Amino acid sequence: MNLHALRIFVEVGKLGSVTKAAEQLLISQPAITAQLRKLEQETRLRLVEPEGRGIKLTAYGELLYAQAVRLFAHEWEIEQLIAKLQEGEQGRLRIGATLFPANYLVPGWVAQFKKKHPHVDIEMHTGNSRLVFDQLLRGEVELALMAGGWEEAGIKRRVIGGDELWFIVPAGHELAGTCTTIERLMREPFLFREQGSSTRNMLLSLCAAHRVEPPQAGLMFQGIHEGLQAVIAGYGAMLVPSLVAREPIAAGKVARVHVEGVSMERPITLCVRKGEERSPAAARFICMLEQVLAEETSGSSQLSIDENVQSK
């Protein structure tokens, strides 16, 4: 169907006049009349008829007019949707995050984004570093927020902060609150994270760098909080983010163990696929994140998680 002719027909039906429609559409009256005739020929229906100095719709014309009005209203809605998608004001954003950012950082950032962009649907995918990297590479998420310094082909990383790791033991443990050697601490049974965890990899790398046998994996969990609860219950040692450890240490539920010559930090990174244009929604989220980090760090390009907590 000739949609141009149909649009002219709707304007004539709305105004009841070829003359007024010509003025509204900025085209000549003969051109409008010609388009109406073409539409009648195409439909093989009489759609308009004279009425005094104007024009009116026939019964067939009224039925077609009603449907055409709905059609062009839907067209307008589609145009508005496309504009919002292009501007990042509507759409879907899939974000991947490793467990530490997913539990302590991303919820606040996502909440701020949703307040400004309520019509963008956000899906969170959480897992260890290996799982989230794979999701990003397969296109299941558009961007990822990671704890750890893993390098991966095809992934572009940007450091947006830092995270200190602490050793903890049960509150009544003989090493609680002490400074010891790595050799002594590694003789304790440890709460290990699962394969693919950056925290687990850093612990094993630390042992290798100091030529110390890795600790016995007394228990293995696929999350931070499960292991923390086991330490609170009185079993084993664990390497955890300082932000996770602060509250239970302050409450006397666990204790920190300092290790001679050991200071462990890992970057918090924003990761995207190389060579791929960001969706408008993702671009807006990244822009908002940059603004939030700049405000929280007084314009610094690096976010220290511990400093951020203290500032609150």
C-alpha atoms as a PDB file:
ATOM      1  CA  MET A   1       0.000   0.000   0.000  1.00  0.00           C
ATOM      2  CA  ASN A   2       1.105   3.551  -0.770  1.00  0.00           C
ATOM      3  CA  LEU A   3       1.671   4.939   2.735  1.00  0.00           C
ATOM      4  CA  HIS A   4       2.252   8.448   1.410  1.00  0.00           C
ATOM      5  CA  ALA A   5      -1.223   8.447  -0.128  1.00  0.00           C
ATOM      6  CA  LEU A   6      -2.643   6.914   3.039  1.00  0.00           C
ATOM      7  CA  ARG A   7      -1.086   9.664   5.154  1.00  0.00           C
ATOM      8  CA  ILE A   8      -2.650  12.313   2.889  1.00  0.00           C
ATOM      9  CA  PHE A   9      -5.988  10.508   3.131  1.00  0.00           C
ATOM     10  CA  VAL A  10      -5.819  10.636   6.946  1.00  0.00           C
ATOM     11  CA  GLU A  11      -5.091  14.360   6.888  1.00  0.00           C
ATOM     12  CA  VAL A  12      -8.038  14.990   4.540  1.00  0.00           C
ATOM     13  CA  GLY A  13     -10.312  12.859   6.706  1.00  0.00           C
ATOM     14  CA  LYS A  14      -9.218  14.691   9.848  1.00  0.00           C
ATOM     15  CA  LEU A  15      -9.705  18.187   8.388  1.00  0.00           C
ATOM     16  CA  GLY A  16     -12.649  17.423   6.091  1.00  0.00           C
ATOM     17  CA  SER A  17     -11.140  19.582   3.367  1.00  0.00           C
ATOM     18  CA  VAL A  18      -8.666  19.148   0.525  1.00  0.00           C
ATOM     19  CA  THR A  19      -7.783  22.841   0.778  1.00  0.00           C
ATOM     20  CA  LYS A  20      -6.983  22.675   4.494  1.00  0.00           C
ATOM     21  CA  ALA A  21      -5.026  19.449   4.033  1.00  0.00           C
ATOM     22  CA  ALA A  22      -2.974  21.078   1.266  1.00  0.00           C
ATOM     23  CA  GLU A  23      -2.167  24.007   3.562  1.00  0.00           C
ATOM     24  CA  GLN A  24      -1.245  21.684   6.422  1.00  0.00           C
ATOM     25  CA  LEU A  25       0.959  19.409   4.316  1.00  0.00           C
ATOM     26  CA  LEU A  26       2.422  22.223   2.189  1.00  0.00           C
ATOM     27  CA  ILE A  27       1.519  20.556  -1.103  1.00  0.00           C
ATOM     28  CA  SER A  28      -0.865  21.575  -3.878  1.00  0.00           C
ATOM     29  CA  GLN A  29      -4.549  20.710  -3.941  1.00  0.00           C
ATOM     30  CA  PRO A  30      -4.233  18.870  -7.293  1.00  0.00           C
ATOM     31  CA  ALA A  31      -1.452  16.741  -5.803  1.00  0.00           C
ATOM     32  CA  ILE A  32      -3.690  15.800  -2.875  1.00  0.00           C
ATOM     33  CA  THR A  33      -6.586  14.986  -5.183  1.00  0.00           C
ATOM     34  CA  ALA A  34      -4.300  12.832  -7.325  1.00  0.00           C
ATOM     35  CA  GLN A  35      -3.085  10.883  -4.282  1.00  0.00           C
ATOM     36  CA  LEU A  36      -6.646  10.275  -3.122  1.00  0.00           C
ATOM     37  CA  ARG A  37      -7.551   8.914  -6.552  1.00  0.00           C
ATOM     38  CA  LYS A  38      -4.501   6.639  -6.534  1.00  0.00           C
ATOM     39  CA  LEU A  39      -5.489   5.284  -3.132  1.00  0.00           C
ATOM     40  CA  GLU A  40      -9.040   4.606  -4.322  1.00  0.00           C
ATOM     41  CA  GLN A  41      -7.699   2.856  -7.396  1.00  0.00           C
ATOM     42  CA  GLU A  42      -5.341   0.757  -5.271  1.00  0.00           C
ATOM     43  CA  THR A  43      -8.067  -0.244  -2.820  1.00  0.00           C
ATOM     44  CA  ARG A  44     -10.800  -0.381  -5.460  1.00  0.00           C
ATOM     45  CA  LEU A  45     -13.029   1.418  -2.964  1.00  0.00           C
ATOM     46  CA  ARG A  46     -14.686   4.817  -2.953  1.00  0.00           C
ATOM     47  CA  LEU A  47     -13.208   6.475   0.108  1.00  0.00           C
ATOM     48  CA  VAL A  48     -14.287  10.139  -0.097  1.00  0.00           C
ATOM     49  CA  GLU A  49     -17.171  12.125  -1.508  1.00  0.00           C
ATOM     50  CA  PRO A  50     -18.035  15.820  -1.777  1.00  0.00           C
ATOM     51  CA  GLU A  51     -19.996  17.510   0.992  1.00  0.00           C
ATOM     52  CA  GLY A  52     -20.805  21.163   0.404  1.00  0.00           C
ATOM     53  CA  ARG A  53     -17.502  22.997  -0.014  1.00  0.00           C
ATOM     54  CA  GLY A  54     -15.620  20.245   1.749  1.00  0.00           C
ATOM     55  CA  ILE A  55     -15.238  16.530   1.579  1.00  0.00           C
ATOM     56  CA  LYS A  56     -16.345  13.661   3.765  1.00  0.00           C
ATOM     57  CA  LEU A  57     -15.410  10.030   4.180  1.00  0.00           C
ATOM     58  CA  THR A  58     -17.614   7.282   2.861  1.00  0.00           C
ATOM     59  CA  ALA A  59     -18.481   4.314   5.065  1.00  0.00           C
ATOM     60  CA  TYR A  60     -15.474   2.482   3.589  1.00  0.00           C
ATOM     61  CA  GLY A  61     -13.374   5.591   4.117  1.00  0.00           C
ATOM     62  CA  GLU A  62     -14.325   5.798   7.794  1.00  0.00           C
ATOM     63  CA  LEU A  63     -13.265   2.193   8.383  1.00  0.00           C
ATOM     64  CA  LEU A  64      -9.945   2.731   6.609  1.00  0.00           C
ATOM     65  CA  TYR A  65      -9.419   6.052   8.392  1.00  0.00           C
ATOM     66  CA  ALA A  66      -9.770   4.454  11.830  1.00  0.00           C
ATOM     67  CA  GLN A  67      -7.188   1.787  11.031  1.00  0.00           C
ATOM     68  CA  ALA A  68      -4.832   4.274   9.385  1.00  0.00           C
ATOM     69  CA  VAL A  69      -4.921   6.524  12.446  1.00  0.00           C
ATOM     70  CA  ARG A  70      -3.875   3.548  14.587  1.00  0.00           C
ATOM     71  CA  LEU A  71      -1.132   2.697  12.095  1.00  0.00           C
ATOM     72  CA  PHE A  72       0.433   6.148  12.159  1.00  0.00           C
ATOM     73  CA  ALA A  73       0.075   6.378  15.928  1.00  0.00           C
ATOM     74  CA  HIS A  74       2.026   3.137  16.155  1.00  0.00           C
ATOM     75  CA  GLU A  75       4.582   4.546  13.721  1.00  0.00           C
ATOM     76  CA  TRP A  76       5.037   7.531  16.030  1.00  0.00           C
ATOM     77  CA  GLU A  77       5.512   5.214  19.008  1.00  0.00           C
ATOM     78  CA  ILE A  78       8.161   3.284  17.084  1.00  0.00           C
ATOM     79  CA  GLU A  79       9.961   6.512  16.209  1.00  0.00           C
ATOM     80  CA  GLN A  80       9.930   7.548  19.862  1.00  0.00           C
ATOM     81  CA  LEU A  81      11.250   4.154  20.918  1.00  0.00           C
ATOM     82  CA  ILE A  82      14.069   4.317  18.376  1.00  0.00           C
ATOM     83  CA  ALA A  83      15.007   7.794  19.593  1.00  0.00           C
ATOM     84  CA  LYS A  84      15.097   6.602  23.216  1.00  0.00           C
ATOM     85  CA  LEU A  85      17.162   3.557  22.266  1.00  0.00           C
ATOM     86  CA  GLN A  86      19.600   5.747  20.359  1.00  0.00           C
ATOM     87  CA  GLU A  87      19.891   8.096  23.325  1.00  0.00           C
ATOM     88  CA  GLY A  88      20.318   5.282  25.850  1.00  0.00           C
ATOM     89  CA  GLU A  89      17.096   6.219  27.628  1.00  0.00           C
ATOM     90  CA  GLN A  90      15.479   2.858  26.971  1.00  0.00           C
ATOM     91  CA  GLY A  91      16.703  -0.640  26.244  1.00  0.00           C
ATOM     92  CA  ARG A  92      18.439  -3.459  28.053  1.00  0.00           C
ATOM     93  CA  LEU A  93      21.885  -3.499  29.625  1.00  0.00           C
ATOM     94  CA  ARG A  94      23.538  -6.761  30.680  1.00  0.00           C
ATOM     95  CA  ILE A  95      26.324  -6.349  33.228  1.00  0.00           C
ATOM     96  CA  GLY A  96      28.652  -9.049  34.507  1.00  0.00           C
ATOM     97  CA  ALA A  97      30.415  -8.734  37.859  1.00  0.00           C
ATOM     98  CA  THR A  98      32.642 -10.864  40.037  1.00  0.00           C
ATOM     99  CA  LEU A  99      31.398 -11.487  43.554  1.00  0.00           C
ATOM    100  CA  PHE A 100      33.140  -8.669  45.404  1.00  0.00           C
ATOM    101  CA  PRO A 101      32.043  -5.839  43.062  1.00  0.00           C
ATOM    102  CA  ALA A 102      28.630  -7.493  42.647  1.00  0.00           C
ATOM    103  CA  ASN A 103      27.974  -7.413  46.392  1.00  0.00           C
ATOM    104  CA  TYR A 104      29.667  -4.187  47.478  1.00  0.00           C
ATOM    105  CA  LEU A 105      30.006  -1.772  44.557  1.00  0.00           C
ATOM    106  CA  VAL A 106      27.734  -2.485  41.612  1.00  0.00           C
ATOM    107  CA  PRO A 107      24.363  -2.307  43.452  1.00  0.00           C
ATOM    108  CA  GLY A 108      24.953   1.321  44.402  1.00  0.00           C
ATOM    109  CA  TRP A 109      26.099   2.251  40.905  1.00  0.00           C
ATOM    110  CA  VAL A 110      23.157   0.485  39.279  1.00  0.00           C
ATOM    111  CA  ALA A 111      20.717   2.160  41.666  1.00  0.00           C
ATOM    112  CA  GLN A 112      22.061   5.595  40.728  1.00  0.00           C
ATOM    113  CA  PHE A 113      21.802   4.750  37.035  1.00  0.00           C
ATOM    114  CA  LYS A 114      18.215   3.511  37.357  1.00  0.00           C
ATOM    115  CA  LYS A 115      17.161   6.722  39.094  1.00  0.00           C
ATOM    116  CA  LYS A 116      18.328   8.695  36.073  1.00  0.00           C
ATOM    117  CA  HIS A 117      17.312   6.161  33.418  1.00  0.00           C
ATOM    118  CA  PRO A 118      14.278   4.261  34.760  1.00  0.00           C
ATOM    119  CA  HIS A 119      13.333   2.759  31.392  1.00  0.00           C
ATOM    120  CA  VAL A 120      16.619   0.909  30.876  1.00  0.00           C
ATOM    121  CA  ASP A 121      16.263  -2.708  32.013  1.00  0.00           C
ATOM    122  CA  ILE A 122      19.408  -4.021  33.713  1.00  0.00           C
ATOM    123  CA  GLU A 123      20.359  -7.678  34.025  1.00  0.00           C
ATOM    124  CA  MET A 124      23.122  -8.620  36.472  1.00  0.00           C
ATOM    125  CA  HIS A 125      25.210 -11.751  35.880  1.00  0.00           C
ATOM    126  CA  THR A 126      27.415 -12.722  38.827  1.00  0.00           C
ATOM    127  CA  GLY A 127      30.206 -15.284  39.084  1.00  0.00           C
ATOM    128  CA  ASN A 128      33.933 -15.772  39.541  1.00  0.00           C
ATOM    129  CA  SER A 129      36.487 -14.156  37.240  1.00  0.00           C
ATOM    130  CA  ARG A 130      36.666 -17.038  34.773  1.00  0.00           C
ATOM    131  CA  LEU A 131      32.900 -17.276  34.425  1.00  0.00           C
ATOM    132  CA  VAL A 132      32.395 -13.528  33.962  1.00  0.00           C
ATOM    133  CA  PHE A 133      35.235 -13.284  31.429  1.00  0.00           C
ATOM    134  CA  ASP A 134      33.658 -16.097  29.417  1.00  0.00           C
ATOM    135  CA  GLN A 135      30.245 -14.410  29.535  1.00  0.00           C
ATOM    136  CA  LEU A 136      31.809 -11.196  28.254  1.00  0.00           C
ATOM    137  CA  LEU A 137      33.669 -12.965  25.443  1.00  0.00           C
ATOM    138  CA  ARG A 138      30.509 -14.805  24.354  1.00  0.00           C
ATOM    139  CA  GLY A 139      28.512 -11.579  24.294  1.00  0.00           C
ATOM    140  CA  GLU A 140      26.183 -12.627  27.109  1.00  0.00           C
ATOM    141  CA  VAL A 141      27.065  -9.399  28.948  1.00  0.00           C
ATOM    142  CA  GLU A 142      28.110  -6.102  27.392  1.00  0.00           C
ATOM    143  CA  LEU A 143      30.469  -4.959  30.111  1.00  0.00           C
ATOM    144  CA  ALA A 144      31.941  -6.473  33.259  1.00  0.00           C
ATOM    145  CA  LEU A 145      33.204  -5.165  36.589  1.00  0.00           C
ATOM    146  CA  MET A 146      35.990  -7.368  37.862  1.00  0.00           C
ATOM    147  CA  ALA A 147      38.165  -7.720  40.933  1.00  0.00           C
ATOM    148  CA  GLY A 148      41.626  -8.906  39.940  1.00  0.00           C
ATOM    149  CA  GLY A 149      44.217  -8.264  37.290  1.00  0.00           C
ATOM    150  CA  TRP A 150      43.551 -11.034  34.815  1.00  0.00           C
ATOM    151  CA  GLU A 151      44.539 -10.420  31.204  1.00  0.00           C
ATOM    152  CA  GLU A 152      42.420 -11.933  28.468  1.00  0.00           C
ATOM    153  CA  ALA A 153      42.750 -11.721  24.680  1.00  0.00           C
ATOM    154  CA  GLY A 154      39.902  -9.770  23.157  1.00  0.00           C
ATOM    155  CA  ILE A 155      39.136  -7.868  26.370  1.00  0.00           C
ATOM    156  CA  LYS A 156      39.884  -4.206  26.987  1.00  0.00           C
ATOM    157  CA  ARG A 157      40.447  -3.421  30.674  1.00  0.00           C
ATOM    158  CA  ARG A 158      40.377  -0.125  32.507  1.00  0.00           C
ATOM    159  CA  VAL A 159      41.405   0.123  36.153  1.00  0.00           C
ATOM    160  CA  ILE A 160      38.794   2.092  38.094  1.00  0.00           C
ATOM    161  CA  GLY A 161      39.885   1.323  41.643  1.00  0.00           C
ATOM    162  CA  GLY A 162      41.848  -0.808  44.050  1.00  0.00           C
ATOM    163  CA  ASP A 163      40.994  -3.428  46.646  1.00  0.00           C
ATOM    164  CA  GLU A 164      43.212  -4.593  49.542  1.00  0.00           C
ATOM    165  CA  LEU A 165      43.091  -8.242  50.622  1.00  0.00           C
ATOM    166  CA  TRP A 166      43.434  -9.305  54.265  1.00  0.00           C
ATOM    167  CA  PHE A 167      44.066 -12.611  55.995  1.00  0.00           C
ATOM    168  CA  ILE A 168      41.526 -13.421  58.708  1.00  0.00           C
ATOM    169  CA  VAL A 169      41.171 -16.165  61.330  1.00  0.00           C
ATOM    170  CA  PRO A 170      38.569 -16.916  64.040  1.00  0.00           C
ATOM    171  CA  ALA A 171      38.485 -14.400  66.874  1.00  0.00           C
ATOM    172  CA  GLY A 172      39.936 -16.836  69.427  1.00  0.00           C
ATOM    173  CA  HIS A 173      42.703 -18.166  67.166  1.00  0.00           C
ATOM    174  CA  GLU A 174      46.302 -18.069  68.416  1.00  0.00           C
ATOM    175  CA  LEU A 175      47.278 -15.902  65.420  1.00  0.00           C
ATOM    176  CA  ALA A 176      44.405 -13.447  65.908  1.00  0.00           C
ATOM    177  CA  GLY A 177      45.691  -9.874  65.810  1.00  0.00           C
ATOM    178  CA  THR A 178      49.314 -10.933  65.422  1.00  0.00           C
ATOM    179  CA  CYS A 179      51.988 -10.455  62.781  1.00  0.00           C
ATOM    180  CA  THR A 180      53.396 -13.754  61.607  1.00  0.00           C
ATOM    181  CA  THR A 181      55.374 -15.264  58.751  1.00  0.00           C
ATOM    182  CA  ILE A 182      53.784 -16.567  55.611  1.00  0.00           C
ATOM    183  CA  GLU A 183      55.267 -19.991  56.337  1.00  0.00           C
ATOM    184  CA  ARG A 184      53.469 -20.119  59.688  1.00  0.00           C
ATOM    185  CA  LEU A 185      50.137 -18.906  58.343  1.00  0.00           C
ATOM    186  CA  MET A 186      50.163 -21.361  55.457  1.00  0.00           C
ATOM    187  CA  ARG A 187      50.247 -24.241  57.945  1.00  0.00           C
ATOM    188  CA  GLU A 188      46.664 -23.367  58.889  1.00  0.00           C
ATOM    189  CA  PRO A 189      43.736 -24.988  57.063  1.00  0.00           C
ATOM    190  CA  PHE A 190      42.294 -22.451  54.620  1.00  0.00           C
ATOM    191  CA  LEU A 191      38.860 -21.619  53.329  1.00  0.00           C
ATOM    192  CA  PHE A 192      39.427 -21.684  49.566  1.00  0.00           C
ATOM    193  CA  ARG A 193      37.405 -20.102  46.798  1.00  0.00           C
ATOM    194  CA  GLU A 194      36.496 -22.232  43.780  1.00  0.00           C
ATOM    195  CA  GLN A 195      38.580 -22.688  40.628  1.00  0.00           C
ATOM    196  CA  GLY A 196      38.483 -19.530  38.526  1.00  0.00           C
ATOM    197  CA  SER A 197      38.452 -17.137  41.496  1.00  0.00           C
ATOM    198  CA  SER A 198      40.971 -14.270  41.354  1.00  0.00           C
ATOM    199  CA  THR A 199      41.344 -14.405  45.164  1.00  0.00           C
ATOM    200  CA  ARG A 200      42.301 -18.082  44.993  1.00  0.00           C
ATOM    201  CA  ASN A 201      44.770 -17.389  42.188  1.00  0.00           C
ATOM    202  CA  MET A 202      46.384 -14.556  44.139  1.00  0.00           C
ATOM    203  CA  LEU A 203      46.823 -16.765  47.198  1.00  0.00           C
ATOM    204  CA  LEU A 204      48.485 -19.500  45.152  1.00  0.00           C
ATOM    205  CA  SER A 205      50.673 -16.943  43.343  1.00  0.00           C
ATOM    206  CA  LEU A 206      51.743 -15.501  46.696  1.00  0.00           C
ATOM    207  CA  CYS A 207      52.815 -18.936  47.894  1.00  0.00           C
ATOM    208  CA  ALA A 208      54.734 -19.568  44.680  1.00  0.00           C
ATOM    209  CA  ALA A 209      56.497 -16.199  44.910  1.00  0.00           C
ATOM    210  CA  HIS A 210      57.622 -16.963  48.480  1.00  0.00           C
ATOM    211  CA  ARG A 211      58.399 -20.597  47.663  1.00  0.00           C
ATOM    212  CA  VAL A 212      55.975 -21.795  50.299  1.00  0.00           C
ATOM    213  CA  GLU A 213      53.715 -24.805  50.009  1.00  0.00           C
ATOM    214  CA  PRO A 214      50.101 -23.728  49.493  1.00  0.00           C
ATOM    215  CA  PRO A 215      47.872 -24.253  52.522  1.00  0.00           C
ATOM    216  CA  GLN A 216      45.606 -27.215  52.984  1.00  0.00           C
ATOM    217  CA  ALA A 217      42.200 -26.562  51.425  1.00  0.00           C
ATOM    218  CA  GLY A 218      40.116 -27.380  54.474  1.00  0.00           C
ATOM    219  CA  LEU A 219      36.908 -26.188  52.846  1.00  0.00           C
ATOM    220  CA  MET A 220      36.008 -24.809  49.438  1.00  0.00           C
ATOM    221  CA  PHE A 221      33.153 -22.402  48.747  1.00  0.00           C
ATOM    222  CA  GLN A 222      31.850 -20.679  45.645  1.00  0.00           C
ATOM    223  CA  GLY A 223      31.372 -17.360  47.386  1.00  0.00           C
ATOM    224  CA  ILE A 224      32.908 -14.941  49.848  1.00  0.00           C
ATOM    225  CA  HIS A 225      30.226 -14.908  52.515  1.00  0.00           C
ATOM    226  CA  GLU A 226      29.963 -18.675  52.853  1.00  0.00           C
ATOM    227  CA  GLY A 227      33.653 -18.900  53.711  1.00  0.00           C
ATOM    228  CA  LEU A 228      33.444 -15.908  56.022  1.00  0.00           C
ATOM    229  CA  GLN A 229      30.657 -17.575  57.989  1.00  0.00           C
ATOM    230  CA  ALA A 230      32.830 -20.666  58.440  1.00  0.00           C
ATOM    231  CA  VAL A 231      35.654 -18.533  59.857  1.00  0.00           C
ATOM    232  CA  ILE A 232      33.188 -16.787  62.174  1.00  0.00           C
ATOM    233  CA  ALA A 233      32.068 -20.246  63.300  1.00  0.00           C
ATOM    234  CA  GLY A 234      35.656 -20.994  64.317  1.00  0.00           C
ATOM    235  CA  TYR A 235      37.284 -22.829  61.427  1.00  0.00           C
ATOM    236  CA  GLY A 236      40.334 -21.992  59.335  1.00  0.00           C
ATOM    237  CA  ALA A 237      41.977 -18.964  57.784  1.00  0.00           C
ATOM    238  CA  MET A 238      40.822 -17.050  54.737  1.00  0.00           C
ATOM    239  CA  LEU A 239      41.972 -14.354  52.331  1.00  0.00           C
ATOM    240  CA  VAL A 240      39.179 -11.804  51.849  1.00  0.00           C
ATOM    241  CA  PRO A 241      38.650  -8.239  50.592  1.00  0.00           C
ATOM    242  CA  SER A 242      39.242  -5.698  53.343  1.00  0.00           C
ATOM    243  CA  LEU A 243      35.782  -4.240  52.809  1.00  0.00           C
ATOM    244  CA  VAL A 244      34.271  -7.643  53.580  1.00  0.00           C
ATOM    245  CA  ALA A 245      36.430  -8.112  56.687  1.00  0.00           C
ATOM    246  CA  ARG A 246      36.070  -4.714  58.346  1.00  0.00           C
ATOM    247  CA  GLU A 247      32.650  -5.171  59.930  1.00  0.00           C
ATOM    248  CA  PRO A 248      33.169  -8.677  61.396  1.00  0.00           C
ATOM    249  CA  ILE A 249      36.602  -7.597  62.684  1.00  0.00           C
ATOM    250  CA  ALA A 250      35.103  -4.533  64.368  1.00  0.00           C
ATOM    251  CA  ALA A 251      32.407  -6.762  65.889  1.00  0.00           C
ATOM    252  CA  GLY A 252      35.010  -9.160  67.271  1.00  0.00           C
ATOM    253  CA  LYS A 253      33.740 -12.069  65.172  1.00  0.00           C
ATOM    254  CA  VAL A 254      37.019 -12.619  63.304  1.00  0.00           C
ATOM    255  CA  ALA A 255      40.520 -11.185  63.551  1.00  0.00           C
ATOM    256  CA  ARG A 256      43.074  -9.979  61.049  1.00  0.00           C
ATOM    257  CA  VAL A 257      46.485 -11.592  60.724  1.00  0.00           C
ATOM    258  CA  HIS A 258      49.324  -9.439  59.404  1.00  0.00           C
ATOM    259  CA  VAL A 259      52.015 -11.242  57.447  1.00  0.00           C
ATOM    260  CA  GLU A 260      55.620 -10.045  57.404  1.00  0.00           C
ATOM    261  CA  GLY A 261      56.573  -8.538  54.061  1.00  0.00           C
ATOM    262  CA  VAL A 262      53.175  -9.174  52.485  1.00  0.00           C
ATOM    263  CA  SER A 263      50.770  -6.521  51.239  1.00  0.00           C
ATOM    264  CA  MET A 264      48.150  -7.659  48.770  1.00  0.00           C
ATOM    265  CA  GLU A 265      46.141  -5.395  46.513  1.00  0.00           C
ATOM    266  CA  ARG A 266      44.191  -6.091  43.359  1.00  0.00           C
ATOM    267  CA  PRO A 267      42.649  -3.746  40.817  1.00  0.00           C
ATOM    268  CA  ILE A 268      38.946  -3.225  40.244  1.00  0.00           C
ATOM    269  CA  THR A 269      38.512  -3.077  36.488  1.00  0.00           C
ATOM    270  CA  LEU A 270      35.857  -2.196  33.945  1.00  0.00           C
ATOM    271  CA  CYS A 271      36.072  -4.661  31.055  1.00  0.00           C
ATOM    272  CA  VAL A 272      34.561  -4.560  27.558  1.00  0.00           C
ATOM    273  CA  ARG A 273      35.159  -6.441  24.330  1.00  0.00           C
ATOM    274  CA  LYS A 274      37.843  -4.924  22.103  1.00  0.00           C
ATOM    275  CA  GLY A 275      36.808  -3.310  18.853  1.00  0.00           C
ATOM    276  CA  GLU A 276      33.103  -3.321  19.627  1.00  0.00           C
ATOM    277  CA  GLU A 277      30.937  -0.234  19.762  1.00  0.00           C
ATOM    278  CA  ARG A 278      29.068   0.196  23.019  1.00  0.00           C
ATOM    279  CA  SER A 279      25.291   0.351  23.021  1.00  0.00           C
ATOM    280  CA  PRO A 280      23.870   3.772  23.978  1.00  0.00           C
ATOM    281  CA  ALA A 281      22.715   2.367  27.336  1.00  0.00           C
ATOM    282  CA  ALA A 282      26.179   0.949  28.071  1.00  0.00           C
ATOM    283  CA  ALA A 283      27.819   4.216  27.020  1.00  0.00           C
ATOM    284  CA  ARG A 284      25.551   6.135  29.396  1.00  0.00           C
ATOM    285  CA  PHE A 285      26.312   3.716  32.250  1.00  0.00           C
ATOM    286  CA  ILE A 286      30.065   4.066  31.705  1.00  0.00           C
ATOM    287  CA  CYS A 287      29.734   7.861  31.561  1.00  0.00           C
ATOM    288  CA  MET A 288      27.761   7.876  34.819  1.00  0.00           C
ATOM    289  CA  LEU A 289      30.319   5.569  36.444  1.00  0.00           C
ATOM    290  CA  GLU A 290      33.143   7.915  35.472  1.00  0.00           C
ATOM    291  CA  GLN A 291      31.273  10.831  37.033  1.00  0.00           C
ATOM    292  CA  VAL A 292      30.540   8.913  40.240  1.00  0.00           C
ATOM    293  CA  LEU A 293      34.154   7.807  40.641  1.00  0.00           C
ATOM    294  CA  ALA A 294      35.432  11.312  39.939  1.00  0.00           C
ATOM    295  CA  GLU A 295      33.133  12.736  42.623  1.00  0.00           C
ATOM    296  CA  GLU A 296      34.024  10.056  45.178  1.00  0.00           C
ATOM    297  CA  THR A 297      37.765  10.497  44.660  1.00  0.00           C
ATOM    298  CA  SER A 298      37.836  14.301  44.244  1.00  0.00           C
ATOM    299  CA  GLY A 299      38.761  14.060  40.592  1.00  0.00           C
ATOM    300  CA  SER A 300      41.276  11.217  40.918  1.00  0.00           C
ATOM    301  CA  SER A 301      41.222   8.568  38.199  1.00  0.00           C
ATOM    302  CA  GLN A 302      41.801   5.834  40.785  1.00  0.00           C
ATOM    303  CA  LEU A 303      39.188   4.726  43.298  1.00  0.00           C
ATOM    304  CA  SER A 304      40.544   3.269  46.546  1.00  0.00           C
ATOM    305  CA  ILE A 305      37.791   1.116  47.990  1.00  0.00           C
ATOM    306  CA  ASP A 306      39.004   1.628  51.558  1.00  0.00           C
ATOM    307  CA  GLU A 307      39.169   5.420  51.172  1.00  0.00           C
ATOM    308  CA  ASN A 308      35.706   5.367  49.635  1.00  0.00           C
ATOM    309  CA  VAL A 309      34.298   3.531  52.645  1.00  0.00           C
ATOM    310  CA  GLN A 310      35.917   5.943  55.083  1.00  0.00           C
ATOM    311  CA  SER A 311      34.515   8.942  53.235  1.00  0.00           C
ATOM    312  CA  LYS A 312      31.001   7.617  53.811  1.00  0.00           C
END
